[in-house]
Amino acid sequence: IMNYRVASILPSEAADAAATKTIDLNFAKPISRITVQVKALNSGVLVTDHPAKIVSKLEVVDGSDILFSLSGIEAQALNYYDKGYMPHTVLNYIDQTRAIATFDIDFGRFLYDPVYALDPKKFTNPQLKISHDLALGGTAPSAMDLSVFGHIFDQKEVSPTGFLMSKEQYSYTLNGTAKEQIELATDHPYRKLLMQSISETRQPHEQYNIIKLSEDNDHKVVINGEKTSDLLKLIRQFPRFTEQIMAYNVAATNEIYPCSVSYEKA
């Protein structure tokens, strides 16, 4: 008996032109995970950016309903905090070789979670949308391949009660002296809140250093004005974040080779 299988939703195909690829998710069995991968062929030695930047948006939709919506770098960050490790990523900035970025869209608490998974039969027209542009990452890529895989329940019969939804809740430009109040959506329960603020010169606690989380107009206060640096000490520690970068040592240049942003301890 084969309980699970990995299906090729999109066999590797050329994705040299910037576009949004739309794929119908017309599977008869529930999907535990969708894996998206881009392989960009570097051209030259002048670095563009992290290869995950190539994918500007990953979405799973059912008509106008958004079931999943994150950028490539947001999806990889969620992958790390969900699983404790990054999906397969090759930070390669060498000419005529490939830079690779992989993104997992997880619908369960773990791979092949029998309780939470995406059951396409419960939707009208479920689709995966991938917005990509090879000019945004790697080392000035000249070509790129895109592939998509589905981790699907096969002969194991399951009846998922629901699936995990992930999407950006709010976005704004930081102001040095401002306090921003964010009204969170209340249509679904939350399992996790992640805050992202990327800066080339400042650490996270220098960008937002006081956090408060409350319910019903402060009737219940979950986090009461804690400093970001203190919260970083209290949260559970994830495995040490290490990456390998492959690049030229270009003489007489001040080249920057992007890696995945990581900050676990104050």
C-alpha atoms as a PDB file:
ATOM      1  CA  ILE A   1       0.000   0.000   0.000  1.00  0.00           C
ATOM      2  CA  MET A   2       1.357   3.401  -0.969  1.00  0.00           C
ATOM      3  CA  ASN A   3      -0.032   5.875   1.552  1.00  0.00           C
ATOM      4  CA  TYR A   4       1.561   8.955   0.024  1.00  0.00           C
ATOM      5  CA  ARG A   5       3.056  10.127  -3.246  1.00  0.00           C
ATOM      6  CA  VAL A   6       4.903  13.112  -4.673  1.00  0.00           C
ATOM      7  CA  ALA A   7       3.180  14.351  -7.809  1.00  0.00           C
ATOM      8  CA  SER A   8       4.769  16.537 -10.466  1.00  0.00           C
ATOM      9  CA  ILE A   9       2.272  19.386 -10.620  1.00  0.00           C
ATOM     10  CA  LEU A  10       4.462  21.333 -13.052  1.00  0.00           C
ATOM     11  CA  PRO A  11       7.378  19.521 -14.692  1.00  0.00           C
ATOM     12  CA  SER A  12      10.427  21.750 -15.002  1.00  0.00           C
ATOM     13  CA  GLU A  13       9.797  24.378 -17.678  1.00  0.00           C
ATOM     14  CA  ALA A  14      11.509  27.537 -18.893  1.00  0.00           C
ATOM     15  CA  ALA A  15      10.421  30.690 -17.075  1.00  0.00           C
ATOM     16  CA  ASP A  16      12.706  33.264 -18.646  1.00  0.00           C
ATOM     17  CA  ALA A  17      10.080  36.011 -18.970  1.00  0.00           C
ATOM     18  CA  ALA A  18       8.557  37.698 -15.930  1.00  0.00           C
ATOM     19  CA  ALA A  19       5.025  36.385 -15.485  1.00  0.00           C
ATOM     20  CA  THR A  20       2.419  34.950 -13.142  1.00  0.00           C
ATOM     21  CA  LYS A  21       2.055  31.215 -13.672  1.00  0.00           C
ATOM     22  CA  THR A  22      -1.423  29.887 -12.854  1.00  0.00           C
ATOM     23  CA  ILE A  23      -1.896  26.167 -12.206  1.00  0.00           C
ATOM     24  CA  ASP A  24      -5.173  24.377 -11.514  1.00  0.00           C
ATOM     25  CA  LEU A  25      -5.105  22.164  -8.411  1.00  0.00           C
ATOM     26  CA  ASN A  26      -7.580  19.571  -9.634  1.00  0.00           C
ATOM     27  CA  PHE A  27      -6.504  16.647  -7.453  1.00  0.00           C
ATOM     28  CA  ALA A  28      -8.925  14.052  -6.118  1.00  0.00           C
ATOM     29  CA  LYS A  29      -6.913  13.506  -2.917  1.00  0.00           C
ATOM     30  CA  PRO A  30      -5.911  15.986  -0.176  1.00  0.00           C
ATOM     31  CA  ILE A  31      -2.627  17.881  -0.542  1.00  0.00           C
ATOM     32  CA  SER A  32      -0.277  18.132   2.440  1.00  0.00           C
ATOM     33  CA  ARG A  33       2.398  20.330   0.873  1.00  0.00           C
ATOM     34  CA  ILE A  34       3.155  22.131  -2.378  1.00  0.00           C
ATOM     35  CA  THR A  35       6.843  22.659  -3.195  1.00  0.00           C
ATOM     36  CA  VAL A  36       7.861  25.368  -5.664  1.00  0.00           C
ATOM     37  CA  GLN A  37      11.427  25.620  -6.965  1.00  0.00           C
ATOM     38  CA  VAL A  38      13.250  28.050  -9.245  1.00  0.00           C
ATOM     39  CA  LYS A  39      16.677  27.431 -10.771  1.00  0.00           C
ATOM     40  CA  ALA A  40      18.237  30.562 -12.263  1.00  0.00           C
ATOM     41  CA  LEU A  41      21.286  30.466 -14.563  1.00  0.00           C
ATOM     42  CA  ASN A  42      23.695  33.172 -13.415  1.00  0.00           C
ATOM     43  CA  SER A  43      25.288  35.440 -15.998  1.00  0.00           C
ATOM     44  CA  GLY A  44      28.309  37.479 -14.947  1.00  0.00           C
ATOM     45  CA  VAL A  45      29.685  38.346 -11.504  1.00  0.00           C
ATOM     46  CA  LEU A  46      27.583  41.349 -10.479  1.00  0.00           C
ATOM     47  CA  VAL A  47      25.128  40.098  -7.871  1.00  0.00           C
ATOM     48  CA  THR A  48      21.464  41.085  -8.168  1.00  0.00           C
ATOM     49  CA  ASP A  49      19.964  39.766  -4.918  1.00  0.00           C
ATOM     50  CA  HIS A  50      19.003  36.668  -2.920  1.00  0.00           C
ATOM     51  CA  PRO A  51      17.505  34.021  -5.267  1.00  0.00           C
ATOM     52  CA  ALA A  52      14.299  33.863  -3.175  1.00  0.00           C
ATOM     53  CA  LYS A  53      13.553  37.417  -4.373  1.00  0.00           C
ATOM     54  CA  ILE A  54      12.880  35.934  -7.831  1.00  0.00           C
ATOM     55  CA  VAL A  55       9.435  34.873  -6.603  1.00  0.00           C
ATOM     56  CA  SER A  56       7.539  38.003  -5.613  1.00  0.00           C
ATOM     57  CA  LYS A  57       4.278  36.246  -4.733  1.00  0.00           C
ATOM     58  CA  LEU A  58       3.016  32.733  -4.011  1.00  0.00           C
ATOM     59  CA  GLU A  59      -0.745  32.365  -3.844  1.00  0.00           C
ATOM     60  CA  VAL A  60      -3.309  29.611  -3.506  1.00  0.00           C
ATOM     61  CA  VAL A  61      -6.738  30.931  -4.415  1.00  0.00           C
ATOM     62  CA  ASP A  62     -10.277  29.754  -4.974  1.00  0.00           C
ATOM     63  CA  GLY A  63     -11.815  32.441  -7.131  1.00  0.00           C
ATOM     64  CA  SER A  64     -11.604  35.625  -5.059  1.00  0.00           C
ATOM     65  CA  ASP A  65     -10.861  33.724  -1.829  1.00  0.00           C
ATOM     66  CA  ILE A  66      -7.175  33.800  -0.858  1.00  0.00           C
ATOM     67  CA  LEU A  67      -6.053  30.626   0.920  1.00  0.00           C
ATOM     68  CA  PHE A  68      -2.312  31.392   0.957  1.00  0.00           C
ATOM     69  CA  SER A  69      -0.436  34.542  -0.020  1.00  0.00           C
ATOM     70  CA  LEU A  70       3.210  35.328   0.785  1.00  0.00           C
ATOM     71  CA  SER A  71       6.276  36.589  -1.044  1.00  0.00           C
ATOM     72  CA  GLY A  72       9.174  34.214  -1.649  1.00  0.00           C
ATOM     73  CA  ILE A  73      11.246  35.500   1.267  1.00  0.00           C
ATOM     74  CA  GLU A  74       8.192  35.471   3.546  1.00  0.00           C
ATOM     75  CA  ALA A  75       7.433  31.870   2.574  1.00  0.00           C
ATOM     76  CA  GLN A  76      11.003  30.779   3.344  1.00  0.00           C
ATOM     77  CA  ALA A  77      10.891  32.553   6.721  1.00  0.00           C
ATOM     78  CA  LEU A  78       7.657  30.735   7.570  1.00  0.00           C
ATOM     79  CA  ASN A  79       9.231  27.439   6.457  1.00  0.00           C
ATOM     80  CA  TYR A  80      12.099  27.968   8.903  1.00  0.00           C
ATOM     81  CA  TYR A  81       9.913  28.853  11.878  1.00  0.00           C
ATOM     82  CA  ASP A  82       7.493  26.013  11.116  1.00  0.00           C
ATOM     83  CA  LYS A  83      10.123  23.290  10.674  1.00  0.00           C
ATOM     84  CA  GLY A  84      13.369  24.560  12.162  1.00  0.00           C
ATOM     85  CA  TYR A  85      15.282  24.466   8.873  1.00  0.00           C
ATOM     86  CA  MET A  86      15.268  26.203   5.507  1.00  0.00           C
ATOM     87  CA  PRO A  87      13.970  24.531   2.345  1.00  0.00           C
ATOM     88  CA  HIS A  88      16.634  23.614  -0.211  1.00  0.00           C
ATOM     89  CA  THR A  89      18.377  26.835  -1.243  1.00  0.00           C
ATOM     90  CA  VAL A  90      21.636  27.207  -3.155  1.00  0.00           C
ATOM     91  CA  LEU A  91      23.179  30.634  -2.596  1.00  0.00           C
ATOM     92  CA  ASN A  92      25.363  30.402  -5.665  1.00  0.00           C
ATOM     93  CA  TYR A  93      26.568  33.625  -7.292  1.00  0.00           C
ATOM     94  CA  ILE A  94      29.090  32.120  -9.743  1.00  0.00           C
ATOM     95  CA  ASP A  95      28.812  32.842 -13.470  1.00  0.00           C
ATOM     96  CA  GLN A  96      27.129  30.166 -15.647  1.00  0.00           C
ATOM     97  CA  THR A  97      25.979  28.094 -12.682  1.00  0.00           C
ATOM     98  CA  ARG A  98      22.595  27.861 -10.981  1.00  0.00           C
ATOM     99  CA  ALA A  99      21.160  29.785  -8.050  1.00  0.00           C
ATOM    100  CA  ILE A 100      18.285  27.805  -6.522  1.00  0.00           C
ATOM    101  CA  ALA A 101      15.409  28.778  -4.247  1.00  0.00           C
ATOM    102  CA  THR A 102      12.728  26.425  -2.918  1.00  0.00           C
ATOM    103  CA  PHE A 103       9.466  27.290  -1.175  1.00  0.00           C
ATOM    104  CA  ASP A 104       7.139  24.945   0.725  1.00  0.00           C
ATOM    105  CA  ILE A 105       3.451  25.740   1.086  1.00  0.00           C
ATOM    106  CA  ASP A 106       2.399  23.628   4.071  1.00  0.00           C
ATOM    107  CA  PHE A 107      -1.279  23.007   4.725  1.00  0.00           C
ATOM    108  CA  GLY A 108      -0.700  20.841   7.812  1.00  0.00           C
ATOM    109  CA  ARG A 109       1.199  21.020  11.086  1.00  0.00           C
ATOM    110  CA  PHE A 110       3.693  18.547   9.624  1.00  0.00           C
ATOM    111  CA  LEU A 111       4.111  16.676   6.349  1.00  0.00           C
ATOM    112  CA  TYR A 112       1.156  14.318   5.801  1.00  0.00           C
ATOM    113  CA  ASP A 113      -0.803  15.635   8.756  1.00  0.00           C
ATOM    114  CA  PRO A 114      -4.075  13.628   8.557  1.00  0.00           C
ATOM    115  CA  VAL A 115      -6.096  16.321  10.353  1.00  0.00           C
ATOM    116  CA  TYR A 116      -5.069  19.445   8.420  1.00  0.00           C
ATOM    117  CA  ALA A 117      -4.558  19.359   4.645  1.00  0.00           C
ATOM    118  CA  LEU A 118      -5.948  21.066   1.552  1.00  0.00           C
ATOM    119  CA  ASP A 119      -8.780  19.038   0.018  1.00  0.00           C
ATOM    120  CA  PRO A 120      -9.309  20.413  -3.520  1.00  0.00           C
ATOM    121  CA  LYS A 121     -12.729  18.739  -3.746  1.00  0.00           C
ATOM    122  CA  LYS A 122     -14.064  21.175  -1.140  1.00  0.00           C
ATOM    123  CA  PHE A 123     -13.383  24.151  -3.399  1.00  0.00           C
ATOM    124  CA  THR A 124     -14.823  25.375  -6.691  1.00  0.00           C
ATOM    125  CA  ASN A 125     -11.657  26.241  -8.616  1.00  0.00           C
ATOM    126  CA  PRO A 126      -8.493  25.998  -6.481  1.00  0.00           C
ATOM    127  CA  GLN A 127      -5.416  27.403  -8.210  1.00  0.00           C
ATOM    128  CA  LEU A 128      -1.746  28.024  -7.480  1.00  0.00           C
ATOM    129  CA  LYS A 129      -0.336  31.339  -8.715  1.00  0.00           C
ATOM    130  CA  ILE A 130       3.410  32.011  -8.896  1.00  0.00           C
ATOM    131  CA  SER A 131       4.618  35.526  -9.741  1.00  0.00           C
ATOM    132  CA  HIS A 132       8.259  35.406 -10.824  1.00  0.00           C
ATOM    133  CA  ASP A 133      10.954  37.544 -12.427  1.00  0.00           C
ATOM    134  CA  LEU A 134      14.463  36.143 -12.859  1.00  0.00           C
ATOM    135  CA  ALA A 135      15.858  39.689 -12.991  1.00  0.00           C
ATOM    136  CA  LEU A 136      15.183  40.119  -9.253  1.00  0.00           C
ATOM    137  CA  GLY A 137      17.632  37.569  -7.805  1.00  0.00           C
ATOM    138  CA  GLY A 138      20.802  35.581  -8.370  1.00  0.00           C
ATOM    139  CA  THR A 139      23.590  37.086 -10.471  1.00  0.00           C
ATOM    140  CA  ALA A 140      21.893  38.760 -13.453  1.00  0.00           C
ATOM    141  CA  PRO A 141      20.353  35.438 -14.592  1.00  0.00           C
ATOM    142  CA  SER A 142      19.902  34.826 -18.307  1.00  0.00           C
ATOM    143  CA  ALA A 143      17.511  31.870 -17.986  1.00  0.00           C
ATOM    144  CA  MET A 144      15.428  30.078 -15.377  1.00  0.00           C
ATOM    145  CA  ASP A 145      13.515  26.843 -14.823  1.00  0.00           C
ATOM    146  CA  LEU A 146      10.368  26.576 -12.704  1.00  0.00           C
ATOM    147  CA  SER A 147       8.954  23.358 -11.228  1.00  0.00           C
ATOM    148  CA  VAL A 148       6.177  22.472  -8.775  1.00  0.00           C
ATOM    149  CA  PHE A 149       5.591  19.282  -6.771  1.00  0.00           C
ATOM    150  CA  GLY A 150       2.675  18.140  -4.645  1.00  0.00           C
ATOM    151  CA  HIS A 151       2.920  15.921  -1.558  1.00  0.00           C
ATOM    152  CA  ILE A 152      -0.389  14.092  -1.745  1.00  0.00           C
ATOM    153  CA  PHE A 153      -2.265  11.442   0.204  1.00  0.00           C
ATOM    154  CA  ASP A 154      -2.615   8.418  -2.061  1.00  0.00           C
ATOM    155  CA  GLN A 155      -4.085   5.160  -0.769  1.00  0.00           C
ATOM    156  CA  LYS A 156      -4.335   6.427   2.785  1.00  0.00           C
ATOM    157  CA  GLU A 157      -7.869   7.716   3.264  1.00  0.00           C
ATOM    158  CA  VAL A 158      -8.073  10.899   5.335  1.00  0.00           C
ATOM    159  CA  SER A 159     -10.796  13.457   5.961  1.00  0.00           C
ATOM    160  CA  PRO A 160      -9.078  16.735   6.888  1.00  0.00           C
ATOM    161  CA  THR A 161     -11.079  19.017   9.149  1.00  0.00           C
ATOM    162  CA  GLY A 162      -9.385  22.068   7.646  1.00  0.00           C
ATOM    163  CA  PHE A 163      -6.026  23.451   6.521  1.00  0.00           C
ATOM    164  CA  LEU A 164      -3.450  25.982   7.714  1.00  0.00           C
ATOM    165  CA  MET A 165      -3.751  29.361   6.014  1.00  0.00           C
ATOM    166  CA  SER A 166      -0.846  31.810   5.770  1.00  0.00           C
ATOM    167  CA  LYS A 167      -1.001  35.358   4.452  1.00  0.00           C
ATOM    168  CA  GLU A 168       0.340  38.851   5.034  1.00  0.00           C
ATOM    169  CA  GLN A 169      -1.899  40.726   7.475  1.00  0.00           C
ATOM    170  CA  TYR A 170      -0.501  44.237   7.352  1.00  0.00           C
ATOM    171  CA  SER A 171       2.268  46.289   5.770  1.00  0.00           C
ATOM    172  CA  TYR A 172       3.443  49.850   6.334  1.00  0.00           C
ATOM    173  CA  THR A 173       6.577  52.013   6.309  1.00  0.00           C
ATOM    174  CA  LEU A 174       8.234  52.454   9.699  1.00  0.00           C
ATOM    175  CA  ASN A 175       8.444  55.910  11.260  1.00  0.00           C
ATOM    176  CA  GLY A 176      11.136  56.605  13.847  1.00  0.00           C
ATOM    177  CA  THR A 177       8.768  58.006  16.471  1.00  0.00           C
ATOM    178  CA  ALA A 178       5.400  56.453  15.618  1.00  0.00           C
ATOM    179  CA  LYS A 179       3.246  53.842  17.311  1.00  0.00           C
ATOM    180  CA  GLU A 180       1.230  51.722  14.895  1.00  0.00           C
ATOM    181  CA  GLN A 181      -1.992  50.018  15.990  1.00  0.00           C
ATOM    182  CA  ILE A 182      -2.960  47.045  13.846  1.00  0.00           C
ATOM    183  CA  GLU A 183      -6.439  45.533  13.831  1.00  0.00           C
ATOM    184  CA  LEU A 184      -6.070  41.823  13.148  1.00  0.00           C
ATOM    185  CA  ALA A 185      -8.693  39.905  11.204  1.00  0.00           C
ATOM    186  CA  THR A 186     -11.031  37.857  13.399  1.00  0.00           C
ATOM    187  CA  ASP A 187     -12.489  35.400  10.885  1.00  0.00           C
ATOM    188  CA  HIS A 188     -10.026  32.605  11.754  1.00  0.00           C
ATOM    189  CA  PRO A 189      -8.006  31.538  14.833  1.00  0.00           C
ATOM    190  CA  TYR A 190      -4.275  32.332  14.818  1.00  0.00           C
ATOM    191  CA  ARG A 191      -1.496  29.811  15.270  1.00  0.00           C
ATOM    192  CA  LYS A 192       1.438  32.172  14.741  1.00  0.00           C
ATOM    193  CA  LEU A 193       2.249  35.845  14.172  1.00  0.00           C
ATOM    194  CA  LEU A 194       5.538  36.767  12.486  1.00  0.00           C
ATOM    195  CA  MET A 195       6.896  40.309  12.226  1.00  0.00           C
ATOM    196  CA  GLN A 196       9.249  41.212   9.413  1.00  0.00           C
ATOM    197  CA  SER A 197      11.248  44.381   8.921  1.00  0.00           C
ATOM    198  CA  ILE A 198      14.337  44.179   6.747  1.00  0.00           C
ATOM    199  CA  SER A 199      17.096  46.757   6.992  1.00  0.00           C
ATOM    200  CA  GLU A 200      20.698  46.686   5.781  1.00  0.00           C
ATOM    201  CA  THR A 201      21.891  48.728   8.762  1.00  0.00           C
ATOM    202  CA  ARG A 202      19.608  47.964  11.730  1.00  0.00           C
ATOM    203  CA  GLN A 203      18.730  44.901  13.798  1.00  0.00           C
ATOM    204  CA  PRO A 204      15.055  43.975  14.438  1.00  0.00           C
ATOM    205  CA  HIS A 205      14.902  45.445  17.959  1.00  0.00           C
ATOM    206  CA  GLU A 206      16.182  48.756  16.574  1.00  0.00           C
ATOM    207  CA  GLN A 207      13.246  48.951  14.153  1.00  0.00           C
ATOM    208  CA  TYR A 208      10.349  47.953  16.408  1.00  0.00           C
ATOM    209  CA  ASN A 209      11.284  47.748  20.072  1.00  0.00           C
ATOM    210  CA  ILE A 210       7.982  47.700  21.996  1.00  0.00           C
ATOM    211  CA  ILE A 211       5.234  45.170  21.254  1.00  0.00           C
ATOM    212  CA  LYS A 212       1.763  44.862  22.736  1.00  0.00           C
ATOM    213  CA  LEU A 213      -0.853  42.258  21.857  1.00  0.00           C
ATOM    214  CA  SER A 214      -4.315  42.575  23.388  1.00  0.00           C
ATOM    215  CA  GLU A 215      -7.922  41.526  22.869  1.00  0.00           C
ATOM    216  CA  ASP A 216     -11.265  43.305  23.220  1.00  0.00           C
ATOM    217  CA  ASN A 217      -9.917  46.808  23.801  1.00  0.00           C
ATOM    218  CA  ASP A 218      -7.310  45.624  26.335  1.00  0.00           C
ATOM    219  CA  HIS A 219      -9.788  43.425  28.228  1.00  0.00           C
ATOM    220  CA  LYS A 220      -7.172  40.685  27.865  1.00  0.00           C
ATOM    221  CA  VAL A 221      -3.523  41.599  27.335  1.00  0.00           C
ATOM    222  CA  VAL A 222      -1.417  38.773  25.895  1.00  0.00           C
ATOM    223  CA  ILE A 223       1.846  40.706  25.515  1.00  0.00           C
ATOM    224  CA  ASN A 224       2.073  43.909  27.540  1.00  0.00           C
ATOM    225  CA  GLY A 225       4.533  46.352  26.001  1.00  0.00           C
ATOM    226  CA  GLU A 226       7.498  43.991  26.007  1.00  0.00           C
ATOM    227  CA  LYS A 227      10.794  44.984  24.426  1.00  0.00           C
ATOM    228  CA  THR A 228      11.647  43.077  21.267  1.00  0.00           C
ATOM    229  CA  SER A 229      15.112  42.261  22.620  1.00  0.00           C
ATOM    230  CA  ASP A 230      13.539  40.673  25.726  1.00  0.00           C
ATOM    231  CA  LEU A 231      11.052  38.638  23.702  1.00  0.00           C
ATOM    232  CA  LEU A 232      13.920  37.252  21.647  1.00  0.00           C
ATOM    233  CA  LYS A 233      15.453  35.886  24.853  1.00  0.00           C
ATOM    234  CA  LEU A 234      12.198  34.269  25.976  1.00  0.00           C
ATOM    235  CA  ILE A 235      11.093  32.489  22.802  1.00  0.00           C
ATOM    236  CA  ARG A 236      12.320  28.967  22.186  1.00  0.00           C
ATOM    237  CA  GLN A 237      15.621  28.796  20.413  1.00  0.00           C
ATOM    238  CA  PHE A 238      15.647  27.361  16.928  1.00  0.00           C
ATOM    239  CA  PRO A 239      18.561  25.374  15.477  1.00  0.00           C
ATOM    240  CA  ARG A 240      21.616  27.447  14.647  1.00  0.00           C
ATOM    241  CA  PHE A 241      21.106  29.132  11.307  1.00  0.00           C
ATOM    242  CA  THR A 242      23.979  28.426   8.939  1.00  0.00           C
ATOM    243  CA  GLU A 243      24.266  28.830   5.174  1.00  0.00           C
ATOM    244  CA  GLN A 244      26.932  28.281   2.558  1.00  0.00           C
ATOM    245  CA  ILE A 245      27.561  30.894  -0.114  1.00  0.00           C
ATOM    246  CA  MET A 246      29.383  30.158  -3.362  1.00  0.00           C
ATOM    247  CA  ALA A 247      30.847  33.235  -5.026  1.00  0.00           C
ATOM    248  CA  TYR A 248      33.858  34.689  -6.795  1.00  0.00           C
ATOM    249  CA  ASN A 249      36.504  36.630  -4.919  1.00  0.00           C
ATOM    250  CA  VAL A 250      36.439  39.558  -7.326  1.00  0.00           C
ATOM    251  CA  ALA A 251      39.506  41.748  -6.984  1.00  0.00           C
ATOM    252  CA  ALA A 252      39.135  45.524  -6.575  1.00  0.00           C
ATOM    253  CA  THR A 253      35.377  45.345  -5.947  1.00  0.00           C
ATOM    254  CA  ASN A 254      33.206  45.720  -2.893  1.00  0.00           C
ATOM    255  CA  GLU A 255      30.650  43.070  -3.813  1.00  0.00           C
ATOM    256  CA  ILE A 256      27.811  42.092  -1.460  1.00  0.00           C
ATOM    257  CA  TYR A 257      26.609  38.475  -1.477  1.00  0.00           C
ATOM    258  CA  PRO A 258      23.091  38.257   0.041  1.00  0.00           C
ATOM    259  CA  CYS A 259      22.235  35.539   2.546  1.00  0.00           C
ATOM    260  CA  SER A 260      19.001  34.808   4.410  1.00  0.00           C
ATOM    261  CA  VAL A 261      18.420  37.286   7.211  1.00  0.00           C
ATOM    262  CA  SER A 262      18.674  35.678  10.649  1.00  0.00           C
ATOM    263  CA  TYR A 263      18.553  37.112  14.158  1.00  0.00           C
ATOM    264  CA  GLU A 264      17.766  34.788  17.051  1.00  0.00           C
ATOM    265  CA  LYS A 265      19.406  36.295  20.141  1.00  0.00           C
ATOM    266  CA  ALA A 266      19.510  39.776  21.617  1.00  0.00           C
END
